[in-house]
């Protein structure tokens, strides 16, 4: 896919280049020590694993070397939860490290299907229109008006609690009144091809579906939050169990479609309370042949959804155009979210 050179100025946005947009993303990042301050898991271990997970995405470290380095520490820190799951590798087709390497470590030797037990069922239930696709999103920055309708639509669709917003619109003003311009950059989860959040998870709760969507098994997640600080885009959140009952009667009793009606209401102690949450491209809507809520609601028609593998699709053509670029390309994550300059 095409991209801009680092620092290239974006048309229609004076003195704003891709480096500036990457800096806006950096401002959304949490402080690792602050994020892990109230987590039982070892903070120093989490920071080290997160940084090295990013190195794996950048191709500076192999998945095998990664888990060989952290096997003993992860085994000590997470015990049985760690030992009973194969170690993930973002470089591997089946998302797990080589079996020969795994045999020398504390982890289980197996496939990702043995980890995400619902994966096979979810894929078999997926509509034929989505099972053979690689879902991607293209956002036209020249059309985004900064109305935040995508943020509101996402929150309403996914019933996210206070402090959790899968879709944010980063904003930055330039110039002085009355000569002022504004840069609006919507930021969902990037659904990376080489996601460090998958690599860092010590219990393989985060994994990538064949359709390109990075998913979380809420029943497996232990809430260590290592994936939050490993994400280069600040696109993951922790569910503390808060709700909007003070504003809307029985708001906490509403079931989120993202984790299914069969898992019961979102109550304290049940998934996904105490777990990490993120945008999933509204997978439940894709399976019905619908667009994600943010795409359907976009006032400026700035968001586009489709199959990146289909060279005839509009999304694939836009992602291949000379206007297209990805955020933080140097991270090696190869996002399935593209932007048009």
C-alpha atoms as a PDB file:
ATOM      1  CA  UNK A   1       0.000   0.000   0.000  1.00  0.00           C
ATOM      2  CA  UNK A   2       1.123   3.539  -0.685  1.00  0.00           C
ATOM      3  CA  UNK A   3       2.260   5.970   1.960  1.00  0.00           C
ATOM      4  CA  UNK A   4       3.639   9.459   2.399  1.00  0.00           C
ATOM      5  CA  UNK A   5       7.249  10.190   3.212  1.00  0.00           C
ATOM      6  CA  UNK A   6       7.934  11.037   6.843  1.00  0.00           C
ATOM      7  CA  UNK A   7       7.110  14.624   7.554  1.00  0.00           C
ATOM      8  CA  UNK A   8       5.429  15.281   4.204  1.00  0.00           C
ATOM      9  CA  UNK A   9       3.051  18.226   4.485  1.00  0.00           C
ATOM     10  CA  UNK A  10      -0.602  17.306   4.002  1.00  0.00           C
ATOM     11  CA  UNK A  11      -2.529  19.249   1.319  1.00  0.00           C
ATOM     12  CA  UNK A  12      -5.071  21.667   2.735  1.00  0.00           C
ATOM     13  CA  UNK A  13      -3.524  21.479   6.195  1.00  0.00           C
ATOM     14  CA  UNK A  14      -0.732  24.095   6.298  1.00  0.00           C
ATOM     15  CA  UNK A  15       2.471  23.048   8.051  1.00  0.00           C
ATOM     16  CA  UNK A  16       0.996  19.729   9.184  1.00  0.00           C
ATOM     17  CA  UNK A  17       2.796  16.564   8.109  1.00  0.00           C
ATOM     18  CA  UNK A  18       2.674  12.885   8.919  1.00  0.00           C
ATOM     19  CA  UNK A  19       5.206  13.394  11.711  1.00  0.00           C
ATOM     20  CA  UNK A  20       2.799  15.879  13.294  1.00  0.00           C
ATOM     21  CA  UNK A  21      -0.026  13.343  13.124  1.00  0.00           C
ATOM     22  CA  UNK A  22       2.182  10.702  14.710  1.00  0.00           C
ATOM     23  CA  UNK A  23       2.955  13.203  17.480  1.00  0.00           C
ATOM     24  CA  UNK A  24      -0.793  13.632  18.045  1.00  0.00           C
ATOM     25  CA  UNK A  25      -1.045   9.867  18.504  1.00  0.00           C
ATOM     26  CA  UNK A  26       1.818   9.939  20.989  1.00  0.00           C
ATOM     27  CA  UNK A  27      -0.100  12.480  23.061  1.00  0.00           C
ATOM     28  CA  UNK A  28      -2.885   9.918  23.463  1.00  0.00           C
ATOM     29  CA  UNK A  29      -0.527   7.372  24.990  1.00  0.00           C
ATOM     30  CA  UNK A  30      -0.822   6.507  28.655  1.00  0.00           C
ATOM     31  CA  UNK A  31       2.145   6.666  31.005  1.00  0.00           C
ATOM     32  CA  UNK A  32       3.173   3.006  31.453  1.00  0.00           C
ATOM     33  CA  UNK A  33       3.907   3.287  35.158  1.00  0.00           C
ATOM     34  CA  UNK A  34       0.709   5.182  35.852  1.00  0.00           C
ATOM     35  CA  UNK A  35      -1.315   2.618  33.894  1.00  0.00           C
ATOM     36  CA  UNK A  36       0.171  -0.337  35.751  1.00  0.00           C
ATOM     37  CA  UNK A  37       0.342   1.337  39.189  1.00  0.00           C
ATOM     38  CA  UNK A  38      -2.718  -0.509  40.567  1.00  0.00           C
ATOM     39  CA  UNK A  39      -2.135  -3.791  38.725  1.00  0.00           C
ATOM     40  CA  UNK A  40      -0.920  -6.827  40.647  1.00  0.00           C
ATOM     41  CA  UNK A  41       1.350  -7.865  37.771  1.00  0.00           C
ATOM     42  CA  UNK A  42       4.976  -6.696  37.822  1.00  0.00           C
ATOM     43  CA  UNK A  43       5.275  -3.177  36.370  1.00  0.00           C
ATOM     44  CA  UNK A  44       8.917  -3.412  35.300  1.00  0.00           C
ATOM     45  CA  UNK A  45       8.242  -6.733  33.590  1.00  0.00           C
ATOM     46  CA  UNK A  46       5.249  -5.274  31.763  1.00  0.00           C
ATOM     47  CA  UNK A  47       7.199  -2.271  30.507  1.00  0.00           C
ATOM     48  CA  UNK A  48      10.076  -4.434  29.305  1.00  0.00           C
ATOM     49  CA  UNK A  49       7.745  -6.921  27.582  1.00  0.00           C
ATOM     50  CA  UNK A  50       5.785  -4.118  25.936  1.00  0.00           C
ATOM     51  CA  UNK A  51       8.893  -2.433  24.548  1.00  0.00           C
ATOM     52  CA  UNK A  52      10.247  -5.703  23.194  1.00  0.00           C
ATOM     53  CA  UNK A  53       6.847  -6.591  21.718  1.00  0.00           C
ATOM     54  CA  UNK A  54       7.139  -3.411  19.676  1.00  0.00           C
ATOM     55  CA  UNK A  55      10.591  -4.559  18.578  1.00  0.00           C
ATOM     56  CA  UNK A  56       9.055  -7.808  17.334  1.00  0.00           C
ATOM     57  CA  UNK A  57       6.562  -5.811  15.257  1.00  0.00           C
ATOM     58  CA  UNK A  58       9.428  -3.757  13.840  1.00  0.00           C
ATOM     59  CA  UNK A  59      11.308  -6.917  12.904  1.00  0.00           C
ATOM     60  CA  UNK A  60      14.133  -6.243  15.362  1.00  0.00           C
ATOM     61  CA  UNK A  61      13.435  -9.335  17.487  1.00  0.00           C
ATOM     62  CA  UNK A  62      11.901 -12.710  16.674  1.00  0.00           C
ATOM     63  CA  UNK A  63       8.870 -14.083  18.471  1.00  0.00           C
ATOM     64  CA  UNK A  64      10.910 -17.116  19.500  1.00  0.00           C
ATOM     65  CA  UNK A  65      13.668 -14.973  21.002  1.00  0.00           C
ATOM     66  CA  UNK A  66      11.040 -12.830  22.692  1.00  0.00           C
ATOM     67  CA  UNK A  67       9.490 -15.713  24.627  1.00  0.00           C
ATOM     68  CA  UNK A  68      12.823 -17.369  25.293  1.00  0.00           C
ATOM     69  CA  UNK A  69      13.796 -14.098  26.973  1.00  0.00           C
ATOM     70  CA  UNK A  70      10.598 -13.740  29.035  1.00  0.00           C
ATOM     71  CA  UNK A  71       9.577 -17.360  29.635  1.00  0.00           C
ATOM     72  CA  UNK A  72      11.003 -17.682  33.146  1.00  0.00           C
ATOM     73  CA  UNK A  73       9.729 -14.296  34.313  1.00  0.00           C
ATOM     74  CA  UNK A  74       6.256 -14.830  32.801  1.00  0.00           C
ATOM     75  CA  UNK A  75       6.054 -18.293  34.342  1.00  0.00           C
ATOM     76  CA  UNK A  76       6.930 -16.886  37.759  1.00  0.00           C
ATOM     77  CA  UNK A  77       4.550 -13.942  37.440  1.00  0.00           C
ATOM     78  CA  UNK A  78       1.485 -15.588  35.863  1.00  0.00           C
ATOM     79  CA  UNK A  79       1.865 -19.259  36.774  1.00  0.00           C
ATOM     80  CA  UNK A  80      -0.740 -21.660  35.438  1.00  0.00           C
ATOM     81  CA  UNK A  81      -2.489 -18.963  33.376  1.00  0.00           C
ATOM     82  CA  UNK A  82       0.747 -18.603  31.428  1.00  0.00           C
ATOM     83  CA  UNK A  83       1.712 -22.260  31.267  1.00  0.00           C
ATOM     84  CA  UNK A  84      -1.568 -23.501  29.837  1.00  0.00           C
ATOM     85  CA  UNK A  85      -1.458 -21.303  26.713  1.00  0.00           C
ATOM     86  CA  UNK A  86       0.899 -21.281  23.716  1.00  0.00           C
ATOM     87  CA  UNK A  87       3.067 -18.181  23.433  1.00  0.00           C
ATOM     88  CA  UNK A  88       1.886 -15.856  20.646  1.00  0.00           C
ATOM     89  CA  UNK A  89       4.064 -14.653  17.779  1.00  0.00           C
ATOM     90  CA  UNK A  90       2.887 -11.930  15.422  1.00  0.00           C
ATOM     91  CA  UNK A  91       5.278 -13.278  12.778  1.00  0.00           C
ATOM     92  CA  UNK A  92       3.668 -16.711  12.650  1.00  0.00           C
ATOM     93  CA  UNK A  93       0.766 -17.686  10.430  1.00  0.00           C
ATOM     94  CA  UNK A  94      -0.935 -19.504  13.282  1.00  0.00           C
ATOM     95  CA  UNK A  95       0.129 -16.761  15.740  1.00  0.00           C
ATOM     96  CA  UNK A  96       2.132 -19.127  17.953  1.00  0.00           C
ATOM     97  CA  UNK A  97       5.874 -19.674  18.238  1.00  0.00           C
ATOM     98  CA  UNK A  98       7.630 -22.613  16.642  1.00  0.00           C
ATOM     99  CA  UNK A  99       6.792 -25.913  18.335  1.00  0.00           C
ATOM    100  CA  UNK A 100      10.445 -26.886  18.733  1.00  0.00           C
ATOM    101  CA  UNK A 101      11.134 -23.659  20.627  1.00  0.00           C
ATOM    102  CA  UNK A 102       7.965 -24.024  22.672  1.00  0.00           C
ATOM    103  CA  UNK A 103       9.018 -27.469  23.877  1.00  0.00           C
ATOM    104  CA  UNK A 104      11.964 -25.877  25.658  1.00  0.00           C
ATOM    105  CA  UNK A 105       9.779 -23.313  27.422  1.00  0.00           C
ATOM    106  CA  UNK A 106       7.109 -23.427  30.108  1.00  0.00           C
ATOM    107  CA  UNK A 107       4.234 -22.810  27.722  1.00  0.00           C
ATOM    108  CA  UNK A 108       1.865 -25.270  26.125  1.00  0.00           C
ATOM    109  CA  UNK A 109       2.643 -26.473  22.606  1.00  0.00           C
ATOM    110  CA  UNK A 110      -0.472 -25.907  20.531  1.00  0.00           C
ATOM    111  CA  UNK A 111      -2.327 -23.749  18.058  1.00  0.00           C
ATOM    112  CA  UNK A 112      -4.211 -20.515  18.549  1.00  0.00           C
ATOM    113  CA  UNK A 113      -7.475 -22.430  18.100  1.00  0.00           C
ATOM    114  CA  UNK A 114      -6.678 -24.255  21.333  1.00  0.00           C
ATOM    115  CA  UNK A 115      -6.305 -20.886  23.028  1.00  0.00           C
ATOM    116  CA  UNK A 116      -9.288 -18.962  21.738  1.00  0.00           C
ATOM    117  CA  UNK A 117     -11.789 -21.777  22.143  1.00  0.00           C
ATOM    118  CA  UNK A 118     -14.587 -19.719  20.642  1.00  0.00           C
ATOM    119  CA  UNK A 119     -12.600 -18.714  17.581  1.00  0.00           C
ATOM    120  CA  UNK A 120     -13.633 -21.653  15.406  1.00  0.00           C
ATOM    121  CA  UNK A 121     -17.282 -21.289  16.392  1.00  0.00           C
ATOM    122  CA  UNK A 122     -17.215 -17.560  15.758  1.00  0.00           C
ATOM    123  CA  UNK A 123     -15.673 -18.025  12.330  1.00  0.00           C
ATOM    124  CA  UNK A 124     -18.131 -20.766  11.350  1.00  0.00           C
ATOM    125  CA  UNK A 125     -20.994 -18.499  12.364  1.00  0.00           C
ATOM    126  CA  UNK A 126     -19.575 -15.583  10.411  1.00  0.00           C
ATOM    127  CA  UNK A 127     -21.470 -14.573   7.292  1.00  0.00           C
ATOM    128  CA  UNK A 128     -19.847 -15.661   4.014  1.00  0.00           C
ATOM    129  CA  UNK A 129     -19.491 -12.001   3.073  1.00  0.00           C
ATOM    130  CA  UNK A 130     -16.868 -11.482   5.781  1.00  0.00           C
ATOM    131  CA  UNK A 131     -15.114 -14.833   6.300  1.00  0.00           C
ATOM    132  CA  UNK A 132     -12.853 -14.547   3.254  1.00  0.00           C
ATOM    133  CA  UNK A 133     -12.079 -10.840   3.538  1.00  0.00           C
ATOM    134  CA  UNK A 134      -9.387  -8.736   5.136  1.00  0.00           C
ATOM    135  CA  UNK A 135     -11.361  -5.884   6.587  1.00  0.00           C
ATOM    136  CA  UNK A 136      -9.823  -2.456   6.283  1.00  0.00           C
ATOM    137  CA  UNK A 137     -10.874   1.130   6.872  1.00  0.00           C
ATOM    138  CA  UNK A 138      -9.829   4.224   4.949  1.00  0.00           C
ATOM    139  CA  UNK A 139     -10.401   7.640   6.530  1.00  0.00           C
ATOM    140  CA  UNK A 140     -10.291  10.750   4.341  1.00  0.00           C
ATOM    141  CA  UNK A 141      -8.843  13.553   6.462  1.00  0.00           C
ATOM    142  CA  UNK A 142     -10.052  16.144   3.961  1.00  0.00           C
ATOM    143  CA  UNK A 143     -13.643  15.076   4.602  1.00  0.00           C
ATOM    144  CA  UNK A 144     -13.524  14.730   8.383  1.00  0.00           C
ATOM    145  CA  UNK A 145     -15.241  17.748   9.938  1.00  0.00           C
ATOM    146  CA  UNK A 146     -14.499  16.840  13.541  1.00  0.00           C
ATOM    147  CA  UNK A 147     -18.151  16.425  14.490  1.00  0.00           C
ATOM    148  CA  UNK A 148     -17.457  13.394  16.727  1.00  0.00           C
ATOM    149  CA  UNK A 149     -20.523  11.595  15.393  1.00  0.00           C
ATOM    150  CA  UNK A 150     -18.327   8.496  15.011  1.00  0.00           C
ATOM    151  CA  UNK A 151     -17.395   8.660  18.684  1.00  0.00           C
ATOM    152  CA  UNK A 152     -21.019   8.953  19.780  1.00  0.00           C
ATOM    153  CA  UNK A 153     -22.221   6.238  17.396  1.00  0.00           C
ATOM    154  CA  UNK A 154     -19.539   3.839  18.587  1.00  0.00           C
ATOM    155  CA  UNK A 155     -20.334   4.466  22.226  1.00  0.00           C
ATOM    156  CA  UNK A 156     -24.041   3.932  21.645  1.00  0.00           C
ATOM    157  CA  UNK A 157     -23.501   0.807  19.563  1.00  0.00           C
ATOM    158  CA  UNK A 158     -21.002  -0.910  21.852  1.00  0.00           C
ATOM    159  CA  UNK A 159     -22.423   0.357  25.167  1.00  0.00           C
ATOM    160  CA  UNK A 160     -18.952   1.286  26.380  1.00  0.00           C
ATOM    161  CA  UNK A 161     -18.633   2.427  30.013  1.00  0.00           C
ATOM    162  CA  UNK A 162     -17.240   5.750  31.265  1.00  0.00           C
ATOM    163  CA  UNK A 163     -13.618   6.225  30.307  1.00  0.00           C
ATOM    164  CA  UNK A 164     -13.829   3.750  27.423  1.00  0.00           C
ATOM    165  CA  UNK A 165     -14.185   5.168  23.912  1.00  0.00           C
ATOM    166  CA  UNK A 166     -13.141   2.971  21.010  1.00  0.00           C
ATOM    167  CA  UNK A 167     -13.328   5.842  18.527  1.00  0.00           C
ATOM    168  CA  UNK A 168     -11.755   9.158  19.386  1.00  0.00           C
ATOM    169  CA  UNK A 169     -11.116  12.143  17.153  1.00  0.00           C
ATOM    170  CA  UNK A 170      -7.779  13.754  17.918  1.00  0.00           C
ATOM    171  CA  UNK A 171      -7.853  17.507  17.364  1.00  0.00           C
ATOM    172  CA  UNK A 172      -5.200  20.172  17.057  1.00  0.00           C
ATOM    173  CA  UNK A 173      -5.512  23.872  16.215  1.00  0.00           C
ATOM    174  CA  UNK A 174      -3.001  25.775  14.122  1.00  0.00           C
ATOM    175  CA  UNK A 175      -2.465  29.510  13.745  1.00  0.00           C
ATOM    176  CA  UNK A 176      -3.932  32.432  15.624  1.00  0.00           C
ATOM    177  CA  UNK A 177      -7.418  33.884  15.507  1.00  0.00           C
ATOM    178  CA  UNK A 178      -8.875  34.725  13.055  1.00  0.00           C
ATOM    179  CA  UNK A 179      -6.486  32.713  10.850  1.00  0.00           C
ATOM    180  CA  UNK A 180      -7.043  29.359  12.490  1.00  0.00           C
ATOM    181  CA  UNK A 181      -7.163  25.864  11.023  1.00  0.00           C
ATOM    182  CA  UNK A 182      -7.927  22.586  12.760  1.00  0.00           C
ATOM    183  CA  UNK A 183      -6.598  19.101  12.143  1.00  0.00           C
ATOM    184  CA  UNK A 184      -9.040  16.275  12.913  1.00  0.00           C
ATOM    185  CA  UNK A 185      -7.695  12.723  13.038  1.00  0.00           C
ATOM    186  CA  UNK A 186     -10.175   9.934  13.887  1.00  0.00           C
ATOM    187  CA  UNK A 187      -8.452   7.016  15.614  1.00  0.00           C
ATOM    188  CA  UNK A 188     -10.116   3.613  15.960  1.00  0.00           C
ATOM    189  CA  UNK A 189      -8.117   0.469  16.692  1.00  0.00           C
ATOM    190  CA  UNK A 190      -5.688   0.051  13.798  1.00  0.00           C
ATOM    191  CA  UNK A 191      -6.302  -3.734  13.520  1.00  0.00           C
ATOM    192  CA  UNK A 192      -2.577  -4.193  12.872  1.00  0.00           C
ATOM    193  CA  UNK A 193      -1.119  -6.986  10.765  1.00  0.00           C
ATOM    194  CA  UNK A 194       1.791  -7.190  13.233  1.00  0.00           C
ATOM    195  CA  UNK A 195       0.109  -6.239  16.512  1.00  0.00           C
ATOM    196  CA  UNK A 196       2.400  -5.870  19.544  1.00  0.00           C
ATOM    197  CA  UNK A 197      -0.686  -6.311  21.748  1.00  0.00           C
ATOM    198  CA  UNK A 198      -0.911  -9.911  20.520  1.00  0.00           C
ATOM    199  CA  UNK A 199       2.796 -10.521  21.037  1.00  0.00           C
ATOM    200  CA  UNK A 200       2.873  -9.193  24.615  1.00  0.00           C
ATOM    201  CA  UNK A 201      -0.168 -11.009  26.029  1.00  0.00           C
ATOM    202  CA  UNK A 202       1.102 -13.652  28.495  1.00  0.00           C
ATOM    203  CA  UNK A 203      -2.126 -15.663  28.317  1.00  0.00           C
ATOM    204  CA  UNK A 204      -2.911 -15.305  24.592  1.00  0.00           C
ATOM    205  CA  UNK A 205      -6.181 -13.501  25.291  1.00  0.00           C
ATOM    206  CA  UNK A 206      -5.566 -11.163  22.357  1.00  0.00           C
ATOM    207  CA  UNK A 207      -5.379 -12.731  18.908  1.00  0.00           C
ATOM    208  CA  UNK A 208      -5.923 -11.836  15.268  1.00  0.00           C
ATOM    209  CA  UNK A 209      -8.807 -13.244  13.251  1.00  0.00           C
ATOM    210  CA  UNK A 210      -8.295 -14.399   9.664  1.00  0.00           C
ATOM    211  CA  UNK A 211     -10.299 -11.388   8.523  1.00  0.00           C
ATOM    212  CA  UNK A 212      -7.697  -8.999   9.935  1.00  0.00           C
ATOM    213  CA  UNK A 213      -9.582  -7.938  13.061  1.00  0.00           C
ATOM    214  CA  UNK A 214      -7.644  -8.117  16.331  1.00  0.00           C
ATOM    215  CA  UNK A 215      -9.916  -9.655  18.937  1.00  0.00           C
ATOM    216  CA  UNK A 216      -9.938 -10.178  22.713  1.00  0.00           C
ATOM    217  CA  UNK A 217     -11.161 -13.290  24.506  1.00  0.00           C
ATOM    218  CA  UNK A 218     -12.712 -11.629  27.563  1.00  0.00           C
ATOM    219  CA  UNK A 219     -13.009 -14.923  29.397  1.00  0.00           C
ATOM    220  CA  UNK A 220      -9.262 -15.472  29.100  1.00  0.00           C
ATOM    221  CA  UNK A 221      -8.027 -11.915  29.740  1.00  0.00           C
ATOM    222  CA  UNK A 222      -6.506 -11.529  33.216  1.00  0.00           C
ATOM    223  CA  UNK A 223      -6.419  -7.723  33.171  1.00  0.00           C
ATOM    224  CA  UNK A 224      -2.634  -7.311  33.434  1.00  0.00           C
ATOM    225  CA  UNK A 225      -2.864  -4.366  30.975  1.00  0.00           C
ATOM    226  CA  UNK A 226       0.485  -5.113  29.372  1.00  0.00           C
ATOM    227  CA  UNK A 227      -1.236  -4.852  25.987  1.00  0.00           C
ATOM    228  CA  UNK A 228      -2.412  -1.316  26.770  1.00  0.00           C
ATOM    229  CA  UNK A 229       1.118  -0.015  27.118  1.00  0.00           C
ATOM    230  CA  UNK A 230       2.309  -2.100  24.145  1.00  0.00           C
ATOM    231  CA  UNK A 231      -0.195  -0.502  21.747  1.00  0.00           C
ATOM    232  CA  UNK A 232       1.564   2.304  19.815  1.00  0.00           C
ATOM    233  CA  UNK A 233      -1.774   4.005  19.154  1.00  0.00           C
ATOM    234  CA  UNK A 234      -3.339   4.233  22.620  1.00  0.00           C
ATOM    235  CA  UNK A 235      -6.357   2.314  21.338  1.00  0.00           C
ATOM    236  CA  UNK A 236      -6.938  -0.083  24.244  1.00  0.00           C
ATOM    237  CA  UNK A 237      -8.823   0.562  27.483  1.00  0.00           C
ATOM    238  CA  UNK A 238      -9.463  -1.113  30.810  1.00  0.00           C
ATOM    239  CA  UNK A 239     -13.000  -1.776  32.016  1.00  0.00           C
ATOM    240  CA  UNK A 240     -13.199  -0.788  35.681  1.00  0.00           C
ATOM    241  CA  UNK A 241     -16.875  -1.744  35.912  1.00  0.00           C
ATOM    242  CA  UNK A 242     -18.249   1.799  35.917  1.00  0.00           C
ATOM    243  CA  UNK A 243     -21.560   2.656  34.269  1.00  0.00           C
ATOM    244  CA  UNK A 244     -23.922   5.525  33.515  1.00  0.00           C
ATOM    245  CA  UNK A 245     -26.600   4.625  36.063  1.00  0.00           C
ATOM    246  CA  UNK A 246     -26.451   8.144  37.503  1.00  0.00           C
ATOM    247  CA  UNK A 247     -27.370   9.606  34.111  1.00  0.00           C
ATOM    248  CA  UNK A 248     -29.540   6.841  32.623  1.00  0.00           C
ATOM    249  CA  UNK A 249     -31.652   4.495  34.720  1.00  0.00           C
ATOM    250  CA  UNK A 250     -30.427   0.872  34.528  1.00  0.00           C
ATOM    251  CA  UNK A 251     -27.683   1.829  32.048  1.00  0.00           C
ATOM    252  CA  UNK A 252     -25.434  -0.796  33.613  1.00  0.00           C
ATOM    253  CA  UNK A 253     -27.968  -3.518  32.822  1.00  0.00           C
ATOM    254  CA  UNK A 254     -27.663  -3.102  29.052  1.00  0.00           C
ATOM    255  CA  UNK A 255     -25.891  -5.987  27.301  1.00  0.00           C
ATOM    256  CA  UNK A 256     -23.095  -5.019  24.917  1.00  0.00           C
ATOM    257  CA  UNK A 257     -23.386  -6.706  21.506  1.00  0.00           C
ATOM    258  CA  UNK A 258     -19.627  -7.026  21.318  1.00  0.00           C
ATOM    259  CA  UNK A 259     -19.554  -9.890  23.823  1.00  0.00           C
ATOM    260  CA  UNK A 260     -22.861 -11.494  22.988  1.00  0.00           C
ATOM    261  CA  UNK A 261     -26.265 -11.876  24.565  1.00  0.00           C
ATOM    262  CA  UNK A 262     -25.432 -15.372  25.806  1.00  0.00           C
ATOM    263  CA  UNK A 263     -22.820 -14.027  28.240  1.00  0.00           C
ATOM    264  CA  UNK A 264     -25.351 -12.196  30.336  1.00  0.00           C
ATOM    265  CA  UNK A 265     -25.534  -8.604  31.448  1.00  0.00           C
ATOM    266  CA  UNK A 266     -22.442  -6.537  32.134  1.00  0.00           C
ATOM    267  CA  UNK A 267     -22.315  -6.964  35.892  1.00  0.00           C
ATOM    268  CA  UNK A 268     -19.470  -6.729  38.362  1.00  0.00           C
ATOM    269  CA  UNK A 269     -17.236  -9.759  38.106  1.00  0.00           C
ATOM    270  CA  UNK A 270     -18.454 -10.798  34.669  1.00  0.00           C
ATOM    271  CA  UNK A 271     -16.843 -10.180  31.292  1.00  0.00           C
ATOM    272  CA  UNK A 272     -15.675  -7.719  30.228  1.00  0.00           C
ATOM    273  CA  UNK A 273     -15.408  -5.975  33.637  1.00  0.00           C
ATOM    274  CA  UNK A 274     -11.787  -6.190  34.741  1.00  0.00           C
ATOM    275  CA  UNK A 275     -10.670  -6.819  31.156  1.00  0.00           C
ATOM    276  CA  UNK A 276      -9.084  -4.763  28.423  1.00  0.00           C
ATOM    277  CA  UNK A 277     -11.453  -3.589  25.693  1.00  0.00           C
ATOM    278  CA  UNK A 278     -11.014  -2.166  22.209  1.00  0.00           C
ATOM    279  CA  UNK A 279     -12.622  -1.472  18.842  1.00  0.00           C
ATOM    280  CA  UNK A 280     -13.350  -4.605  16.819  1.00  0.00           C
ATOM    281  CA  UNK A 281     -14.600  -2.875  13.645  1.00  0.00           C
ATOM    282  CA  UNK A 282     -18.071  -3.733  15.015  1.00  0.00           C
ATOM    283  CA  UNK A 283     -17.566  -7.388  14.087  1.00  0.00           C
ATOM    284  CA  UNK A 284     -21.133  -8.187  15.139  1.00  0.00           C
ATOM    285  CA  UNK A 285     -22.349  -5.754  12.453  1.00  0.00           C
ATOM    286  CA  UNK A 286     -19.925  -6.999   9.787  1.00  0.00           C
ATOM    287  CA  UNK A 287     -21.263 -10.509  10.315  1.00  0.00           C
ATOM    288  CA  UNK A 288     -24.735  -9.183   9.476  1.00  0.00           C
ATOM    289  CA  UNK A 289     -23.467  -7.534   6.299  1.00  0.00           C
ATOM    290  CA  UNK A 290     -23.594  -4.054   7.862  1.00  0.00           C
ATOM    291  CA  UNK A 291     -20.934  -1.370   8.172  1.00  0.00           C
ATOM    292  CA  UNK A 292     -19.419  -0.430  11.534  1.00  0.00           C
ATOM    293  CA  UNK A 293     -21.488   2.148  13.382  1.00  0.00           C
ATOM    294  CA  UNK A 294     -18.825   4.842  12.938  1.00  0.00           C
ATOM    295  CA  UNK A 295     -18.787   4.362   9.158  1.00  0.00           C
ATOM    296  CA  UNK A 296     -22.554   4.341   8.836  1.00  0.00           C
ATOM    297  CA  UNK A 297     -22.900   7.506  10.915  1.00  0.00           C
ATOM    298  CA  UNK A 298     -20.046   9.605   9.492  1.00  0.00           C
ATOM    299  CA  UNK A 299     -21.547  12.985   8.544  1.00  0.00           C
ATOM    300  CA  UNK A 300     -18.781  13.925   6.133  1.00  0.00           C
ATOM    301  CA  UNK A 301     -18.623  10.474   4.509  1.00  0.00           C
ATOM    302  CA  UNK A 302     -14.966  10.390   5.555  1.00  0.00           C
ATOM    303  CA  UNK A 303     -14.919   6.728   6.599  1.00  0.00           C
ATOM    304  CA  UNK A 304     -14.875   3.841   4.162  1.00  0.00           C
ATOM    305  CA  UNK A 305     -14.981   0.125   4.954  1.00  0.00           C
ATOM    306  CA  UNK A 306     -14.245  -2.843   2.731  1.00  0.00           C
ATOM    307  CA  UNK A 307     -12.010  -5.717   1.705  1.00  0.00           C
ATOM    308  CA  UNK A 308      -8.336  -4.802   1.323  1.00  0.00           C
ATOM    309  CA  UNK A 309      -7.685  -8.097  -0.482  1.00  0.00           C
ATOM    310  CA  UNK A 310     -10.174  -7.272  -3.250  1.00  0.00           C
ATOM    311  CA  UNK A 311      -8.277  -5.128  -5.744  1.00  0.00           C
ATOM    312  CA  UNK A 312     -11.585  -4.015  -7.260  1.00  0.00           C
ATOM    313  CA  UNK A 313     -13.016  -2.725  -3.977  1.00  0.00           C
ATOM    314  CA  UNK A 314     -13.150   1.012  -3.360  1.00  0.00           C
ATOM    315  CA  UNK A 315     -11.314   0.641  -0.074  1.00  0.00           C
ATOM    316  CA  UNK A 316      -8.458  -1.295  -1.688  1.00  0.00           C
ATOM    317  CA  UNK A 317      -8.131   1.312  -4.420  1.00  0.00           C
ATOM    318  CA  UNK A 318      -8.098   4.151  -1.900  1.00  0.00           C
ATOM    319  CA  UNK A 319      -5.505   2.366   0.271  1.00  0.00           C
ATOM    320  CA  UNK A 320      -3.325   1.949  -2.832  1.00  0.00           C
ATOM    321  CA  UNK A 321      -3.655   5.559  -3.935  1.00  0.00           C
ATOM    322  CA  UNK A 322      -0.894   8.159  -3.732  1.00  0.00           C
ATOM    323  CA  UNK A 323      -2.909   9.945  -1.032  1.00  0.00           C
ATOM    324  CA  UNK A 324      -2.864   6.988   1.355  1.00  0.00           C
ATOM    325  CA  UNK A 325      -0.648   6.606   4.408  1.00  0.00           C
ATOM    326  CA  UNK A 326      -0.633   4.822   7.769  1.00  0.00           C
ATOM    327  CA  UNK A 327      -0.032   6.264  11.204  1.00  0.00           C
ATOM    328  CA  UNK A 328       3.329   5.507  12.836  1.00  0.00           C
ATOM    329  CA  UNK A 329       4.602   3.456   9.918  1.00  0.00           C
ATOM    330  CA  UNK A 330       8.029   3.142  11.537  1.00  0.00           C
ATOM    331  CA  UNK A 331       6.495   0.855  14.189  1.00  0.00           C
ATOM    332  CA  UNK A 332       6.160  -1.920  11.604  1.00  0.00           C
ATOM    333  CA  UNK A 333       2.612  -2.720  12.720  1.00  0.00           C
ATOM    334  CA  UNK A 334       1.183  -2.391   9.172  1.00  0.00           C
ATOM    335  CA  UNK A 335      -2.295  -1.196  10.227  1.00  0.00           C
ATOM    336  CA  UNK A 336      -5.443  -2.089   8.317  1.00  0.00           C
ATOM    337  CA  UNK A 337      -6.581   1.495   8.853  1.00  0.00           C
ATOM    338  CA  UNK A 338      -5.372   3.925   6.201  1.00  0.00           C
ATOM    339  CA  UNK A 339      -5.700   7.683   5.955  1.00  0.00           C
ATOM    340  CA  UNK A 340      -6.008   9.885   2.891  1.00  0.00           C
ATOM    341  CA  UNK A 341      -3.980  13.090   3.008  1.00  0.00           C
END
